[in-house]
Amino acid sequence: MAAPADRLRPVVKFSGQGIRSDEDSAESRRLLSSRLGAVKPPAPRRQQSFTRDIGHAAAVTLLLTRLGFTLLRSLGVGYRWVVKLTALAVYAILLMPGFLQVMYDYYFSSQVRRDIIYGNQPRNSLDLYLPTNTDKKKPVVIFVSGGAWIIGYKAWGALLGMQLAERDVIVASIDYRNFPQGTISDMVKDISQGISYVCKNIADYGGDQDRIFLMGQSAGAHISVCAFLEQAIKEAGKEESVDWSVSQIKAYFGLSGGYNLLKLIDHFDSRGLYRSVFLSIMEGEASLSKFSPEIRIQDPSIRDVVPSLPSFVLFHGTGDYSIPSDASVTFVETLRKAGAQADLFLYEGKTHTDLFLQDPFRGGNDELFDQIVSILHAGDEEALAKDSMAPPKPRLVPEILIRLARMVSPF
């Protein structure tokens, strides 16, 4: 992958060969884009009135509250969870200046298309974040949020979505059923359906179907890789029809993810995600290997599948206590041994939420964000030149509040 050195500089280390930018076909893609440019994608517009926005927010709040009480009945309200919930409340209050700005843009920006239905199950919807510039087809990021398989929600990707839209990238943030509304099989099925919808329809919104990337954060990284591998195995076995193909995904981005559940179950138990609850989410101990991508790719029966997968690029902070960075290190090593192309960025001292929340709230230059954008725009000299001239992002939260939030973070 050819890119300026200052755009892909690793914080601790970067290993592997990078992502091929397909320079040989750049001219043909430009010709295709010029033809498609004659058909203008639909202009971004607000779809809902203020009254409907308030009603939607109330409905979502009611749903999450109801599921929260159901979850608490499963967990039991012990001392550890009281402490964690209190810490979470304080953490959210400290970062509230940033959250309020993001929420305002989420509900009132003309660049956001909310609640696009992709399936017939509860929470089968996604949000689209669209650039204002519609002069040519844009790269697309399909994003799957984290939330410990319990509190994930598509709006958690709002800040990332709006910031990438400013760099001429379309973001589709997929919602999915959480526990106890669904278990891991339901989550994987939902995400696969959401990916299928995006692959089939994103051209209507100005997306480049030759530049679709899949990205997951935390639990979302785990779920999206499971969906990715499941789809690859279906295609290789030719046992059933498929709605989308892994060949449609140019690369996979994994942020602070966990990929081997057998190694993580005791760690999660010590952190408050108790073994009994985790096993309920993952459909029993016998299913842990099935839903552990690191173990799955070592299965001899799918040996021929792995080398055909697109590139994997993983990002992780070395100060992450929710999911230790070793999870990404060992997954990359396993991928390479199986014949896949895999790269790794490690960030010295960064925690589970630094990379996704605190650093973006700081504004200025965000190295993780810049690294992702440089990969998305690889081979597009015009876009890279525009990126180099982009102004620093505005600060959303005062530094003192960010530091205090980092101290009390339950993650």
Protein backbone atom coordinates (compact mmCIF):
# COMPACT_ATOMS: atom_id res chain seq x y z
CA MET A 1 0.00 0.00 0.00
CA ALA A 2 1.54 3.22 -1.09
CA ALA A 3 0.90 6.06 1.33
CA PRO A 4 2.86 8.95 2.85
CA ALA A 5 4.90 7.78 5.81
CA ASP A 6 3.36 10.30 8.15
CA ARG A 7 -0.12 8.99 7.35
CA LEU A 8 0.49 5.37 8.28
CA ARG A 9 3.01 5.75 11.09
CA PRO A 10 2.28 3.13 13.80
CA VAL A 11 2.18 4.23 17.40
CA VAL A 12 4.01 1.12 18.65
CA LYS A 13 4.36 -1.17 15.70
CA PHE A 14 2.94 -1.88 12.30
CA SER A 15 3.51 -5.26 10.74
CA GLY A 16 2.60 -7.01 7.53
CA GLN A 17 2.35 -5.91 3.95
CA GLY A 18 -0.55 -3.51 4.19
CA ILE A 19 -3.56 -3.32 1.89
CA ARG A 20 -3.14 -3.46 -1.86
CA SER A 21 -4.70 -0.37 -3.41
CA ASP A 22 -5.43 -2.04 -6.76
CA GLU A 23 -3.56 0.64 -8.71
CA ASP A 24 -3.71 -1.48 -11.87
CA SER A 25 -7.47 -0.92 -12.09
CA ALA A 26 -7.48 2.73 -10.99
CA GLU A 27 -8.08 4.01 -14.53
CA SER A 28 -11.00 1.66 -15.12
CA ARG A 29 -12.59 2.70 -11.82
CA ARG A 30 -12.22 6.38 -12.78
CA LEU A 31 -13.96 5.68 -16.11
CA LEU A 32 -16.72 3.79 -14.29
CA SER A 33 -17.10 6.63 -11.78
CA SER A 34 -17.38 9.16 -14.61
CA ARG A 35 -20.23 7.17 -16.15
CA LEU A 36 -21.99 6.74 -12.82
CA GLY A 37 -21.53 10.41 -12.09
CA ALA A 38 -24.21 11.21 -14.65
CA VAL A 39 -26.74 9.62 -12.30
CA LYS A 40 -26.84 11.76 -9.20
CA PRO A 41 -27.44 9.95 -5.89
CA PRO A 42 -30.38 11.19 -3.86
CA ALA A 43 -29.57 14.41 -2.03
CA PRO A 44 -29.39 14.16 1.75
CA ARG A 45 -32.54 15.42 3.41
CA ARG A 46 -34.23 15.28 6.76
CA GLN A 47 -36.80 12.52 6.79
CA GLN A 48 -38.59 13.17 10.03
CA SER A 49 -40.28 16.06 11.78
CA PHE A 50 -39.24 17.29 15.20
CA THR A 51 -42.30 15.63 16.76
CA ARG A 52 -41.43 12.28 15.21
CA ASP A 53 -37.80 12.72 16.34
CA ILE A 54 -38.93 13.18 19.94
CA GLY A 55 -41.26 10.20 19.65
CA HIS A 56 -38.49 8.04 18.24
CA ALA A 57 -36.10 9.05 21.02
CA ALA A 58 -38.74 8.23 23.64
CA ALA A 59 -39.43 4.83 22.07
CA VAL A 60 -35.74 3.96 22.00
CA THR A 61 -35.33 5.10 25.62
CA LEU A 62 -38.28 2.95 26.68
CA LEU A 63 -36.89 -0.09 24.85
CA LEU A 64 -33.42 0.27 26.33
CA THR A 65 -34.84 0.84 29.82
CA ARG A 66 -37.01 -2.26 29.59
CA LEU A 67 -34.11 -4.36 28.35
CA GLY A 68 -31.91 -2.88 31.06
CA PHE A 69 -34.24 -4.04 33.81
CA THR A 70 -34.46 -7.48 32.20
CA LEU A 71 -30.69 -7.60 32.13
CA LEU A 72 -30.36 -6.55 35.76
CA ARG A 73 -32.70 -9.39 36.75
CA SER A 74 -30.31 -11.75 34.94
CA LEU A 75 -27.18 -10.27 36.51
CA GLY A 76 -28.46 -9.70 39.98
CA VAL A 77 -27.82 -6.29 41.52
CA GLY A 78 -24.72 -6.98 43.57
CA TYR A 79 -22.06 -4.65 44.93
CA ARG A 80 -19.83 -4.91 41.86
CA TRP A 81 -22.59 -3.91 39.44
CA VAL A 82 -23.76 -1.03 41.65
CA VAL A 83 -20.20 0.34 41.60
CA LYS A 84 -19.89 -0.10 37.83
CA LEU A 85 -23.26 1.52 37.09
CA THR A 86 -22.37 4.44 39.36
CA ALA A 87 -19.00 4.84 37.61
CA LEU A 88 -20.75 4.69 34.23
CA ALA A 89 -23.16 7.44 35.26
CA VAL A 90 -20.32 9.70 36.44
CA TYR A 91 -18.34 8.93 33.29
CA ALA A 92 -21.29 9.91 31.09
CA ILE A 93 -21.91 13.13 33.03
CA LEU A 94 -18.29 14.21 32.68
CA LEU A 95 -18.36 13.69 28.91
CA MET A 96 -21.87 15.14 28.53
CA PRO A 97 -20.71 18.29 26.66
CA GLY A 98 -19.48 16.07 23.85
CA PHE A 99 -22.45 13.71 23.94
CA LEU A 100 -24.93 16.60 23.70
CA GLN A 101 -23.21 18.02 20.61
CA VAL A 102 -23.12 14.62 18.94
CA MET A 103 -26.78 13.95 19.81
CA TYR A 104 -27.84 17.30 18.36
CA ASP A 105 -26.07 16.58 15.06
CA TYR A 106 -27.42 13.03 15.03
CA TYR A 107 -31.03 14.21 15.21
CA PHE A 108 -30.86 17.41 13.18
CA SER A 109 -28.07 17.09 10.60
CA SER A 110 -29.22 16.68 6.99
CA GLN A 111 -26.27 14.33 6.47
CA VAL A 112 -27.76 11.64 8.74
CA ARG A 113 -30.41 9.22 7.52
CA ARG A 114 -31.70 7.31 10.53
CA ASP A 115 -33.59 4.07 10.95
CA ILE A 116 -33.33 2.53 7.51
CA ILE A 117 -34.89 -0.92 7.81
CA TYR A 118 -32.79 -3.85 6.60
CA GLY A 119 -34.64 -6.85 8.11
CA ASN A 120 -37.83 -7.99 9.81
CA GLN A 121 -36.54 -8.55 13.35
CA PRO A 122 -36.52 -6.02 16.22
CA ARG A 123 -33.76 -3.44 15.85
CA ASN A 124 -33.04 -4.45 12.26
CA SER A 125 -32.25 -0.90 11.18
CA LEU A 126 -29.20 1.17 10.33
CA ASP A 127 -28.11 4.79 10.11
CA LEU A 128 -26.33 6.35 7.14
CA TYR A 129 -23.89 9.25 7.42
CA LEU A 130 -23.53 10.92 4.02
CA PRO A 131 -20.94 13.44 2.79
CA THR A 132 -22.23 16.76 1.47
CA ASN A 133 -19.96 16.42 -1.54
CA THR A 134 -21.63 14.16 -4.15
CA ASP A 135 -19.29 14.70 -7.10
CA LYS A 136 -18.18 11.05 -7.31
CA LYS A 137 -18.65 7.66 -5.69
CA LYS A 138 -17.44 7.49 -2.07
CA PRO A 139 -15.77 4.73 -0.05
CA VAL A 140 -18.12 3.04 2.42
CA VAL A 141 -17.55 1.87 5.99
CA ILE A 142 -20.03 -0.60 7.48
CA PHE A 143 -19.72 -0.04 11.23
CA VAL A 144 -20.77 -2.38 14.06
CA SER A 145 -20.74 -0.82 17.54
CA GLY A 146 -19.64 -2.49 20.74
CA GLY A 147 -21.38 -2.67 24.10
CA ALA A 148 -20.42 -5.99 25.72
CA TRP A 149 -23.10 -7.78 23.61
CA ILE A 150 -25.57 -6.08 25.98
CA ILE A 151 -25.79 -2.31 25.40
CA GLY A 152 -24.72 -1.96 21.77
CA TYR A 153 -26.66 0.60 19.72
CA LYS A 154 -26.17 2.05 16.24
CA ALA A 155 -26.05 5.65 17.50
CA TRP A 156 -22.80 4.83 19.36
CA GLY A 157 -21.18 5.21 15.92
CA ALA A 158 -22.52 8.76 15.41
CA LEU A 159 -19.29 10.62 16.19
CA LEU A 160 -17.21 8.37 13.94
CA GLY A 161 -19.86 8.48 11.23
CA MET A 162 -20.07 12.27 11.11
CA GLN A 163 -16.30 12.73 11.22
CA LEU A 164 -15.76 10.26 8.38
CA ALA A 165 -18.58 11.89 6.37
CA GLU A 166 -16.61 15.13 6.58
CA ARG A 167 -13.77 13.28 4.82
CA ASP A 168 -16.05 12.12 1.99
CA VAL A 169 -16.67 8.64 3.40
CA ILE A 170 -20.14 7.09 3.73
CA VAL A 171 -20.75 5.26 7.02
CA ALA A 172 -23.52 2.71 7.60
CA SER A 173 -23.93 2.01 11.33
CA ILE A 174 -25.85 -1.23 11.83
CA ASP A 175 -28.08 -1.89 14.84
CA TYR A 176 -28.62 -5.45 16.07
CA ARG A 177 -30.38 -7.35 18.82
CA ASN A 178 -28.53 -7.38 22.15
CA PHE A 179 -28.81 -9.81 25.06
CA PRO A 180 -31.36 -10.60 26.47
CA GLN A 181 -33.34 -9.65 23.36
CA GLY A 182 -31.14 -12.06 21.39
CA THR A 183 -28.09 -14.29 21.73
CA ILE A 184 -24.92 -14.42 19.66
CA SER A 185 -26.51 -16.31 16.73
CA ASP A 186 -29.16 -13.58 16.45
CA MET A 187 -26.50 -10.88 16.54
CA VAL A 188 -24.42 -12.53 13.82
CA LYS A 189 -27.52 -13.05 11.66
CA ASP A 190 -28.57 -9.41 12.08
CA ILE A 191 -25.16 -8.07 11.13
CA SER A 192 -24.95 -10.34 8.10
CA GLN A 193 -28.35 -9.08 6.92
CA GLY A 194 -27.26 -5.49 7.48
CA ILE A 195 -24.08 -6.02 5.45
CA SER A 196 -26.15 -7.56 2.67
CA TYR A 197 -28.46 -4.54 2.59
CA VAL A 198 -25.56 -2.11 2.36
CA CYS A 199 -23.79 -4.07 -0.39
CA LYS A 200 -26.98 -4.15 -2.47
CA ASN A 201 -28.18 -0.59 -1.94
CA ILE A 202 -25.27 1.71 -1.10
CA ALA A 203 -24.76 2.76 -4.73
CA ASP A 204 -28.14 4.51 -4.53
CA TYR A 205 -26.64 6.81 -1.89
CA GLY A 206 -23.42 7.53 -3.80
CA GLY A 207 -21.34 4.68 -2.38
CA ASP A 208 -18.57 2.96 -4.34
CA GLN A 209 -19.38 -0.74 -4.40
CA ASP A 210 -15.71 -1.50 -5.11
CA ARG A 211 -14.61 0.19 -1.88
CA ILE A 212 -16.73 -1.24 0.94
CA PHE A 213 -14.96 -1.77 4.28
CA LEU A 214 -16.27 -3.59 7.37
CA MET A 215 -15.40 -2.21 10.81
CA GLY A 216 -16.28 -3.40 14.31
CA GLN A 217 -15.47 -1.98 17.73
CA SER A 218 -15.13 -4.08 20.92
CA ALA A 219 -17.98 -6.64 20.97
CA GLY A 220 -18.93 -5.32 17.54
CA ALA A 221 -15.50 -6.38 16.25
CA HIS A 222 -16.15 -9.91 17.51
CA ILE A 223 -19.67 -10.12 16.05
CA SER A 224 -18.68 -8.72 12.66
CA VAL A 225 -15.74 -11.13 12.29
CA CYS A 226 -18.05 -14.03 13.17
CA ALA A 227 -20.47 -12.87 10.46
CA PHE A 228 -17.58 -12.43 8.02
CA LEU A 229 -16.20 -15.95 8.57
CA GLU A 230 -19.66 -17.52 8.54
CA GLN A 231 -20.32 -15.95 5.15
CA ALA A 232 -16.96 -17.14 3.77
CA ILE A 233 -17.68 -20.71 4.90
CA LYS A 234 -21.15 -20.63 3.31
CA GLU A 235 -19.67 -19.44 0.03
CA ALA A 236 -16.94 -22.09 0.05
CA GLY A 237 -19.38 -24.89 0.82
CA LYS A 238 -21.92 -23.75 -1.78
CA GLU A 239 -24.55 -25.31 0.48
CA GLU A 240 -27.02 -22.45 0.30
CA SER A 241 -27.64 -19.23 -1.55
CA VAL A 242 -25.84 -16.16 -0.25
CA ASP A 243 -27.06 -12.57 -0.25
CA TRP A 244 -23.61 -10.98 -0.22
CA SER A 245 -20.02 -12.08 -0.74
CA VAL A 246 -16.88 -11.53 1.32
CA SER A 247 -15.23 -10.52 -1.96
CA GLN A 248 -17.38 -7.36 -1.82
CA ILE A 249 -15.48 -6.25 1.31
CA LYS A 250 -12.16 -4.59 0.54
CA ALA A 251 -10.79 -4.86 4.08
CA TYR A 252 -11.83 -5.50 7.69
CA PHE A 253 -11.00 -3.07 10.53
CA GLY A 254 -11.11 -4.41 14.10
CA LEU A 255 -10.92 -1.87 16.94
CA SER A 256 -10.27 -3.16 20.49
CA GLY A 257 -11.88 -6.51 19.74
CA GLY A 258 -11.79 -9.97 21.34
CA TYR A 259 -11.46 -12.97 19.06
CA ASN A 260 -10.93 -15.98 21.33
CA LEU A 261 -13.74 -16.41 23.87
CA LEU A 262 -12.07 -19.35 25.64
CA LYS A 263 -9.20 -17.06 26.61
CA LEU A 264 -11.46 -14.18 27.63
CA ILE A 265 -14.28 -15.80 29.62
CA ASP A 266 -12.38 -15.77 32.95
CA HIS A 267 -11.18 -12.22 32.31
CA PHE A 268 -14.74 -11.05 31.66
CA ASP A 269 -15.94 -12.83 34.80
CA SER A 270 -13.37 -10.96 36.89
CA ARG A 271 -14.52 -7.68 35.31
CA GLY A 272 -18.20 -8.24 36.18
CA LEU A 273 -19.54 -9.93 33.05
CA TYR A 274 -20.20 -13.11 35.00
CA ARG A 275 -19.54 -16.50 33.49
CA SER A 276 -23.18 -17.60 33.72
CA VAL A 277 -24.39 -14.49 31.90
CA PHE A 278 -21.64 -14.67 29.29
CA LEU A 279 -22.43 -18.32 28.57
CA SER A 280 -26.09 -17.40 28.16
CA ILE A 281 -25.10 -14.74 25.62
CA MET A 282 -22.87 -17.21 23.75
CA GLU A 283 -25.40 -20.08 23.88
CA GLY A 284 -23.46 -22.33 26.22
CA GLU A 285 -19.91 -23.48 26.74
CA ALA A 286 -20.03 -25.81 23.74
CA SER A 287 -20.50 -22.80 21.44
CA LEU A 288 -17.47 -20.83 22.62
CA SER A 289 -15.16 -22.36 20.01
CA LYS A 290 -17.71 -21.85 17.24
CA PHE A 291 -17.93 -18.15 18.02
CA SER A 292 -14.17 -17.69 18.52
CA PRO A 293 -12.77 -16.51 15.16
CA GLU A 294 -9.19 -17.18 16.30
CA ILE A 295 -10.08 -20.85 16.84
CA ARG A 296 -12.38 -21.10 13.83
CA ILE A 297 -9.75 -20.13 11.26
CA GLN A 298 -7.49 -22.96 12.47
CA ASP A 299 -10.09 -25.56 11.51
CA PRO A 300 -8.54 -27.74 8.76
CA SER A 301 -11.93 -28.01 7.05
CA ILE A 302 -11.84 -24.30 6.14
CA ARG A 303 -8.11 -24.09 5.42
CA ASP A 304 -8.78 -23.03 1.82
CA VAL A 305 -11.19 -20.28 2.86
CA VAL A 306 -8.89 -18.10 4.96
CA PRO A 307 -6.27 -17.10 2.33
CA SER A 308 -9.07 -15.79 0.10
CA LEU A 309 -10.33 -13.36 2.74
CA PRO A 310 -9.69 -9.62 2.32
CA SER A 311 -7.06 -7.88 4.44
CA PHE A 312 -7.50 -7.57 8.22
CA VAL A 313 -6.30 -4.40 9.97
CA LEU A 314 -6.52 -4.43 13.78
CA PHE A 315 -6.17 -1.50 16.20
CA HIS A 316 -5.76 -1.84 19.97
CA GLY A 317 -4.53 0.15 22.98
CA THR A 318 -1.91 -1.47 25.21
CA GLY A 319 -3.64 0.00 28.29
CA ASP A 320 -6.96 -1.69 27.48
CA TYR A 321 -8.25 -3.56 30.54
CA SER A 322 -11.68 -4.47 29.14
CA ILE A 323 -10.17 -6.57 26.34
CA PRO A 324 -6.37 -6.82 26.63
CA SER A 325 -4.37 -5.97 23.51
CA ASP A 326 -2.99 -9.53 23.45
CA ALA A 327 -6.36 -10.48 21.93
CA SER A 328 -5.47 -8.59 18.75
CA VAL A 329 -1.80 -9.64 18.80
CA THR A 330 -2.58 -13.36 18.88
CA PHE A 331 -5.40 -13.03 16.34
CA VAL A 332 -3.09 -11.34 13.83
CA GLU A 333 -0.45 -14.04 14.37
CA THR A 334 -3.05 -16.77 13.86
CA LEU A 335 -4.41 -15.10 10.71
CA ARG A 336 -0.95 -14.93 9.18
CA LYS A 337 -0.20 -18.55 9.97
CA ALA A 338 -3.46 -19.49 8.23
CA GLY A 339 -2.42 -17.54 5.13
CA ALA A 340 -4.46 -14.36 5.58
CA GLN A 341 -3.09 -10.86 5.20
CA ALA A 342 -3.21 -9.09 8.58
CA ASP A 343 -1.79 -5.84 9.96
CA LEU A 344 -1.67 -4.52 13.51
CA PHE A 345 -1.50 -1.03 15.04
CA LEU A 346 -0.85 -0.83 18.79
CA TYR A 347 -1.27 2.40 20.77
CA GLU A 348 0.91 2.75 23.84
CA GLY A 349 -1.08 3.25 27.05
CA LYS A 350 -4.47 3.77 25.36
CA THR A 351 -7.49 2.31 27.13
CA HIS A 352 -10.62 0.67 25.76
CA THR A 353 -12.44 4.01 25.39
CA ASP A 354 -9.49 6.34 24.65
CA LEU A 355 -9.38 5.40 20.97
CA PHE A 356 -13.12 5.56 20.36
CA LEU A 357 -14.32 8.37 22.66
CA GLN A 358 -11.80 10.39 24.65
CA ASP A 359 -9.35 11.03 21.80
CA PRO A 360 -12.05 12.09 19.29
CA PHE A 361 -13.60 14.35 21.94
CA ARG A 362 -10.22 16.08 22.32
CA GLY A 363 -10.31 17.27 18.72
CA GLY A 364 -7.10 18.18 16.93
CA ASN A 365 -5.21 15.44 15.15
CA ASP A 366 -6.36 11.90 15.91
CA GLU A 367 -3.81 9.35 14.75
CA LEU A 368 -6.21 6.39 14.67
CA PHE A 369 -8.70 8.39 12.60
CA ASP A 370 -5.99 9.56 10.21
CA GLN A 371 -4.68 6.03 9.75
CA ILE A 372 -8.15 4.71 8.91
CA VAL A 373 -8.83 7.54 6.46
CA SER A 374 -5.48 7.02 4.71
CA ILE A 375 -6.41 3.37 4.10
CA LEU A 376 -9.91 4.27 2.91
CA HIS A 377 -8.45 6.77 0.43
CA ALA A 378 -5.46 4.67 -0.64
CA GLY A 379 -4.89 5.06 -4.38
CA ASP A 380 -7.04 8.22 -4.59
CA GLU A 381 -4.48 11.02 -4.84
CA GLU A 382 -7.14 13.73 -4.97
CA ALA A 383 -8.74 12.52 -1.74
CA LEU A 384 -5.35 12.13 0.01
CA ALA A 385 -4.39 15.67 -0.98
CA LYS A 386 -7.70 16.93 0.38
CA ASP A 387 -7.11 15.02 3.62
CA SER A 388 -3.71 16.66 4.05
CA MET A 389 -5.39 20.08 3.93
CA ALA A 390 -8.23 19.21 6.30
CA PRO A 391 -8.37 21.44 9.42
CA PRO A 392 -7.95 19.84 12.87
CA LYS A 393 -11.20 18.58 14.37
CA PRO A 394 -12.79 20.87 17.01
CA ARG A 395 -12.54 20.01 20.70
CA LEU A 396 -15.86 18.83 22.11
CA VAL A 397 -14.98 18.31 25.80
CA PRO A 398 -12.55 20.28 28.04
CA GLU A 399 -9.37 18.39 28.84
CA ILE A 400 -9.97 18.37 32.59
CA LEU A 401 -13.30 16.57 32.12
CA ILE A 402 -11.71 14.04 29.76
CA ARG A 403 -8.98 13.26 32.29
CA LEU A 404 -11.51 12.86 35.11
CA ALA A 405 -13.71 10.62 32.92
CA ARG A 406 -10.73 8.43 32.10
CA MET A 407 -10.07 8.00 35.82
CA VAL A 408 -13.60 6.82 36.65
CA SER A 409 -14.31 4.88 33.44
CA PRO A 410 -15.75 1.42 34.22
CA PHE A 411 -14.47 0.07 30.89
